[in-house]
Amino acid sequence: MLSVSDRALDMIAGAIDSGQVGDNQALRLAKTGDGEFGLVVDQPKDDDQVISRGDTPVLYVDNEVSSTLDGATLDVAEGIGQPRLALKMPESGPDA
């Protein structure tokens, strides 16, 4: 299962609160290419992992993407320019 940090949850909720997302919609973490992911506005689906802020769904993740990202965390990365969302994959190997 994918984890979402509080900072990332706040950033996603801010995008939704800005009015760019319609009723009964949230952002969806979707596969956009080979090993790449992005956010799109979408409706909920039956097999989604639903991540909420309070009682409001803010992020949908379908079962396939959730399985692919099992153990990963969606967080905020600081750097040059604006903060951005980033996936932090779980460490693997003998020291993990």
N, C-alpha and C. Protein backbone atom coordinates (compact mmCIF):
# COMPACT_ATOMS: atom_id res chain seq x y z
N MET A 1 0.84 -1.17 0.00
CA MET A 1 0.00 0.00 0.00
C MET A 1 0.89 1.24 0.00
N LEU A 2 0.49 2.23 -0.75
CA LEU A 2 1.17 3.51 -0.82
C LEU A 2 0.87 4.34 0.42
N SER A 3 1.88 4.98 0.97
CA SER A 3 1.69 5.92 2.08
C SER A 3 1.80 7.34 1.54
N VAL A 4 1.12 8.27 2.19
CA VAL A 4 1.17 9.67 1.80
C VAL A 4 1.50 10.49 3.04
N SER A 5 2.56 11.31 2.95
CA SER A 5 2.95 12.14 4.09
C SER A 5 1.90 13.23 4.31
N ASP A 6 1.89 13.77 5.52
CA ASP A 6 0.96 14.87 5.83
C ASP A 6 1.22 16.07 4.93
N ARG A 7 2.48 16.37 4.65
CA ARG A 7 2.82 17.52 3.80
C ARG A 7 2.29 17.30 2.38
N ALA A 8 2.44 16.08 1.86
CA ALA A 8 1.93 15.78 0.52
C ALA A 8 0.41 15.85 0.51
N LEU A 9 -0.21 15.34 1.55
CA LEU A 9 -1.67 15.38 1.66
C LEU A 9 -2.16 16.83 1.67
N ASP A 10 -1.46 17.70 2.39
CA ASP A 10 -1.83 19.12 2.41
C ASP A 10 -1.68 19.75 1.03
N MET A 11 -0.61 19.39 0.30
CA MET A 11 -0.38 19.96 -1.03
C MET A 11 -1.48 19.51 -2.00
N ILE A 12 -1.85 18.24 -1.94
CA ILE A 12 -2.90 17.71 -2.82
C ILE A 12 -4.24 18.34 -2.47
N ALA A 13 -4.53 18.43 -1.18
CA ALA A 13 -5.80 19.04 -0.74
C ALA A 13 -5.86 20.50 -1.17
N GLY A 14 -4.74 21.19 -1.16
CA GLY A 14 -4.70 22.58 -1.60
C GLY A 14 -5.08 22.72 -3.06
N ALA A 15 -4.63 21.79 -3.89
CA ALA A 15 -4.99 21.81 -5.31
C ALA A 15 -6.49 21.58 -5.48
N ILE A 16 -7.04 20.69 -4.68
CA ILE A 16 -8.47 20.41 -4.75
C ILE A 16 -9.27 21.62 -4.25
N ASP A 17 -8.81 22.22 -3.16
CA ASP A 17 -9.50 23.38 -2.58
C ASP A 17 -9.47 24.59 -3.50
N SER A 18 -8.53 24.63 -4.44
CA SER A 18 -8.41 25.78 -5.35
C SER A 18 -9.54 25.84 -6.37
N GLY A 19 -10.38 24.80 -6.38
CA GLY A 19 -11.53 24.80 -7.28
C GLY A 19 -11.28 24.19 -8.64
N GLN A 20 -10.14 23.57 -8.83
CA GLN A 20 -9.81 22.96 -10.12
C GLN A 20 -10.37 21.55 -10.26
N VAL A 21 -10.98 21.05 -9.20
CA VAL A 21 -11.51 19.69 -9.18
C VAL A 21 -13.00 19.75 -8.90
N GLY A 22 -13.79 19.03 -9.69
CA GLY A 22 -15.23 19.06 -9.57
C GLY A 22 -15.76 18.22 -8.41
N ASP A 23 -17.07 18.30 -8.21
CA ASP A 23 -17.72 17.49 -7.18
C ASP A 23 -17.51 16.02 -7.47
N ASN A 24 -17.34 15.24 -6.40
CA ASN A 24 -17.14 13.79 -6.48
C ASN A 24 -15.88 13.43 -7.27
N GLN A 25 -14.93 14.36 -7.34
CA GLN A 25 -13.66 14.09 -7.99
C GLN A 25 -12.53 14.34 -7.01
N ALA A 26 -11.39 13.75 -7.32
CA ALA A 26 -10.16 13.99 -6.57
C ALA A 26 -9.02 13.79 -7.55
N LEU A 27 -7.81 13.88 -7.07
CA LEU A 27 -6.67 13.58 -7.92
C LEU A 27 -6.41 12.09 -7.90
N ARG A 28 -5.94 11.57 -9.00
CA ARG A 28 -5.60 10.15 -9.11
C ARG A 28 -4.12 10.04 -9.44
N LEU A 29 -3.42 9.19 -8.69
CA LEU A 29 -2.04 8.86 -9.02
C LEU A 29 -2.11 7.76 -10.07
N ALA A 30 -1.67 8.07 -11.28
CA ALA A 30 -1.83 7.15 -12.40
C ALA A 30 -0.48 6.91 -13.08
N LYS A 31 -0.36 5.75 -13.66
CA LYS A 31 0.82 5.43 -14.46
C LYS A 31 0.72 6.20 -15.77
N THR A 32 1.77 6.96 -16.10
CA THR A 32 1.75 7.77 -17.32
C THR A 32 2.70 7.24 -18.38
N GLY A 33 3.58 6.37 -18.00
CA GLY A 33 4.56 5.80 -18.93
C GLY A 33 5.30 4.69 -18.24
N ASP A 34 6.31 4.18 -18.90
CA ASP A 34 7.09 3.09 -18.34
C ASP A 34 7.81 3.55 -17.08
N GLY A 35 7.27 3.18 -15.93
CA GLY A 35 7.88 3.55 -14.66
C GLY A 35 7.64 4.98 -14.23
N GLU A 36 6.75 5.68 -14.92
CA GLU A 36 6.46 7.07 -14.57
C GLU A 36 5.03 7.19 -14.08
N PHE A 37 4.82 8.15 -13.17
CA PHE A 37 3.51 8.38 -12.59
C PHE A 37 3.19 9.86 -12.62
N GLY A 38 1.90 10.18 -12.65
CA GLY A 38 1.46 11.56 -12.65
C GLY A 38 0.11 11.66 -11.96
N LEU A 39 -0.36 12.89 -11.79
CA LEU A 39 -1.66 13.13 -11.17
C LEU A 39 -2.65 13.62 -12.20
N VAL A 40 -3.85 13.05 -12.17
CA VAL A 40 -4.94 13.46 -13.05
C VAL A 40 -6.21 13.61 -12.21
N VAL A 41 -7.13 14.43 -12.67
CA VAL A 41 -8.43 14.56 -12.00
C VAL A 41 -9.30 13.40 -12.46
N ASP A 42 -9.97 12.76 -11.51
CA ASP A 42 -10.76 11.58 -11.87
C ASP A 42 -11.85 11.32 -10.84
N GLN A 43 -12.76 10.44 -11.21
CA GLN A 43 -13.84 9.94 -10.35
C GLN A 43 -13.33 8.71 -9.60
N PRO A 44 -13.93 8.36 -8.47
CA PRO A 44 -13.53 7.14 -7.76
C PRO A 44 -13.95 5.89 -8.52
N LYS A 45 -13.17 4.83 -8.33
CA LYS A 45 -13.50 3.52 -8.90
C LYS A 45 -13.56 2.51 -7.75
N ASP A 46 -14.25 1.40 -7.99
CA ASP A 46 -14.52 0.43 -6.93
C ASP A 46 -13.27 -0.09 -6.22
N ASP A 47 -12.19 -0.35 -6.94
CA ASP A 47 -11.03 -0.99 -6.33
C ASP A 47 -9.95 0.00 -5.88
N ASP A 48 -10.28 1.29 -5.81
CA ASP A 48 -9.31 2.32 -5.46
C ASP A 48 -8.89 2.26 -3.99
N GLN A 49 -7.62 2.57 -3.76
CA GLN A 49 -7.16 2.96 -2.44
C GLN A 49 -7.55 4.44 -2.36
N VAL A 50 -8.34 4.81 -1.37
CA VAL A 50 -8.80 6.19 -1.24
C VAL A 50 -8.07 6.83 -0.06
N ILE A 51 -7.38 7.92 -0.33
CA ILE A 51 -6.66 8.64 0.71
C ILE A 51 -7.42 9.94 0.94
N SER A 52 -7.81 10.15 2.19
CA SER A 52 -8.67 11.28 2.53
C SER A 52 -7.96 12.23 3.48
N ARG A 53 -8.43 13.45 3.45
CA ARG A 53 -8.03 14.46 4.44
C ARG A 53 -9.31 14.78 5.19
N GLY A 54 -9.39 14.34 6.42
CA GLY A 54 -10.64 14.41 7.15
C GLY A 54 -11.63 13.46 6.49
N ASP A 55 -12.81 13.97 6.13
CA ASP A 55 -13.82 13.15 5.47
C ASP A 55 -13.80 13.29 3.95
N THR A 56 -12.86 14.08 3.43
CA THR A 56 -12.85 14.39 2.00
C THR A 56 -11.78 13.59 1.26
N PRO A 57 -12.19 12.75 0.30
CA PRO A 57 -11.19 12.04 -0.51
C PRO A 57 -10.37 13.05 -1.33
N VAL A 58 -9.05 12.89 -1.31
CA VAL A 58 -8.18 13.79 -2.07
C VAL A 58 -7.32 13.06 -3.08
N LEU A 59 -7.12 11.75 -2.88
CA LEU A 59 -6.26 11.00 -3.80
C LEU A 59 -6.81 9.60 -3.99
N TYR A 60 -6.93 9.20 -5.25
CA TYR A 60 -7.32 7.84 -5.61
C TYR A 60 -6.11 7.14 -6.19
N VAL A 61 -5.94 5.88 -5.81
CA VAL A 61 -4.86 5.06 -6.36
C VAL A 61 -5.47 3.71 -6.70
N ASP A 62 -5.41 3.33 -8.00
CA ASP A 62 -6.03 2.05 -8.35
C ASP A 62 -5.18 0.90 -7.82
N ASN A 63 -5.77 -0.28 -7.79
CA ASN A 63 -5.16 -1.46 -7.19
C ASN A 63 -3.81 -1.79 -7.83
N GLU A 64 -3.70 -1.70 -9.15
CA GLU A 64 -2.45 -2.02 -9.84
C GLU A 64 -1.33 -1.06 -9.43
N VAL A 65 -1.62 0.24 -9.44
CA VAL A 65 -0.61 1.23 -9.05
C VAL A 65 -0.26 1.07 -7.57
N SER A 66 -1.25 0.83 -6.72
CA SER A 66 -1.01 0.63 -5.30
C SER A 66 -0.09 -0.56 -5.06
N SER A 67 -0.31 -1.64 -5.80
CA SER A 67 0.55 -2.83 -5.68
C SER A 67 1.96 -2.54 -6.16
N THR A 68 2.07 -1.81 -7.28
CA THR A 68 3.38 -1.46 -7.82
C THR A 68 4.16 -0.60 -6.84
N LEU A 69 3.47 0.28 -6.13
CA LEU A 69 4.11 1.23 -5.23
C LEU A 69 4.03 0.78 -3.76
N ASP A 70 3.80 -0.49 -3.54
CA ASP A 70 3.69 -1.02 -2.18
C ASP A 70 4.94 -0.66 -1.37
N GLY A 71 4.75 0.00 -0.24
CA GLY A 71 5.85 0.40 0.62
C GLY A 71 6.42 1.77 0.30
N ALA A 72 6.04 2.36 -0.82
CA ALA A 72 6.53 3.69 -1.20
C ALA A 72 5.76 4.77 -0.45
N THR A 73 6.33 5.97 -0.43
CA THR A 73 5.70 7.12 0.21
C THR A 73 5.65 8.28 -0.76
N LEU A 74 4.49 8.89 -0.90
CA LEU A 74 4.35 10.13 -1.66
C LEU A 74 4.60 11.26 -0.68
N ASP A 75 5.62 12.09 -0.98
CA ASP A 75 6.04 13.13 -0.05
C ASP A 75 6.32 14.41 -0.82
N VAL A 76 6.68 15.45 -0.13
CA VAL A 76 7.05 16.72 -0.73
C VAL A 76 8.57 16.81 -0.78
N ALA A 77 9.10 17.12 -1.96
CA ALA A 77 10.54 17.29 -2.13
C ALA A 77 10.83 18.77 -2.23
N GLU A 78 11.81 19.21 -1.48
CA GLU A 78 12.26 20.61 -1.52
C GLU A 78 13.47 20.66 -2.44
N GLY A 79 13.64 21.76 -3.10
CA GLY A 79 14.79 21.94 -3.97
C GLY A 79 14.75 23.31 -4.59
N ILE A 80 15.35 23.41 -5.73
CA ILE A 80 15.32 24.68 -6.45
C ILE A 80 13.91 24.89 -6.98
N GLY A 81 13.36 26.06 -6.76
CA GLY A 81 12.01 26.37 -7.22
C GLY A 81 10.97 25.93 -6.20
N GLN A 82 9.80 25.67 -6.71
CA GLN A 82 8.65 25.31 -5.87
C GLN A 82 8.80 23.90 -5.31
N PRO A 83 8.28 23.67 -4.10
CA PRO A 83 8.21 22.30 -3.60
C PRO A 83 7.35 21.47 -4.56
N ARG A 84 7.64 20.18 -4.66
CA ARG A 84 6.91 19.31 -5.58
C ARG A 84 6.68 17.96 -4.92
N LEU A 85 5.72 17.24 -5.44
CA LEU A 85 5.46 15.90 -4.94
C LEU A 85 6.50 14.95 -5.51
N ALA A 86 6.92 13.99 -4.70
CA ALA A 86 7.91 13.01 -5.15
C ALA A 86 7.61 11.67 -4.49
N LEU A 87 7.83 10.61 -5.25
CA LEU A 87 7.69 9.26 -4.72
C LEU A 87 9.01 8.81 -4.12
N LYS A 88 8.96 8.35 -2.90
CA LYS A 88 10.14 7.78 -2.25
C LYS A 88 9.92 6.29 -2.18
N MET A 89 10.73 5.56 -2.94
CA MET A 89 10.58 4.11 -3.00
C MET A 89 11.21 3.46 -1.77
N PRO A 90 10.68 2.31 -1.37
CA PRO A 90 11.26 1.62 -0.20
C PRO A 90 12.67 1.14 -0.54
N GLU A 91 13.51 1.12 0.47
CA GLU A 91 14.85 0.62 0.26
C GLU A 91 14.80 -0.89 0.19
N SER A 92 15.67 -1.44 -0.64
CA SER A 92 15.74 -2.90 -0.73
C SER A 92 17.19 -3.31 -0.60
N GLY A 93 17.37 -4.54 -0.32
CA GLY A 93 18.73 -5.06 -0.17
C GLY A 93 18.97 -5.53 1.26
N PRO A 94 20.21 -5.95 1.55
CA PRO A 94 20.51 -6.57 2.84
C PRO A 94 20.41 -5.61 4.02
N ASP A 95 20.55 -4.29 3.79
CA ASP A 95 20.52 -3.33 4.88
C ASP A 95 19.12 -2.76 5.13
N ALA A 96 18.18 -3.13 4.31
CA ALA A 96 16.83 -2.56 4.42
C ALA A 96 16.04 -3.22 5.52
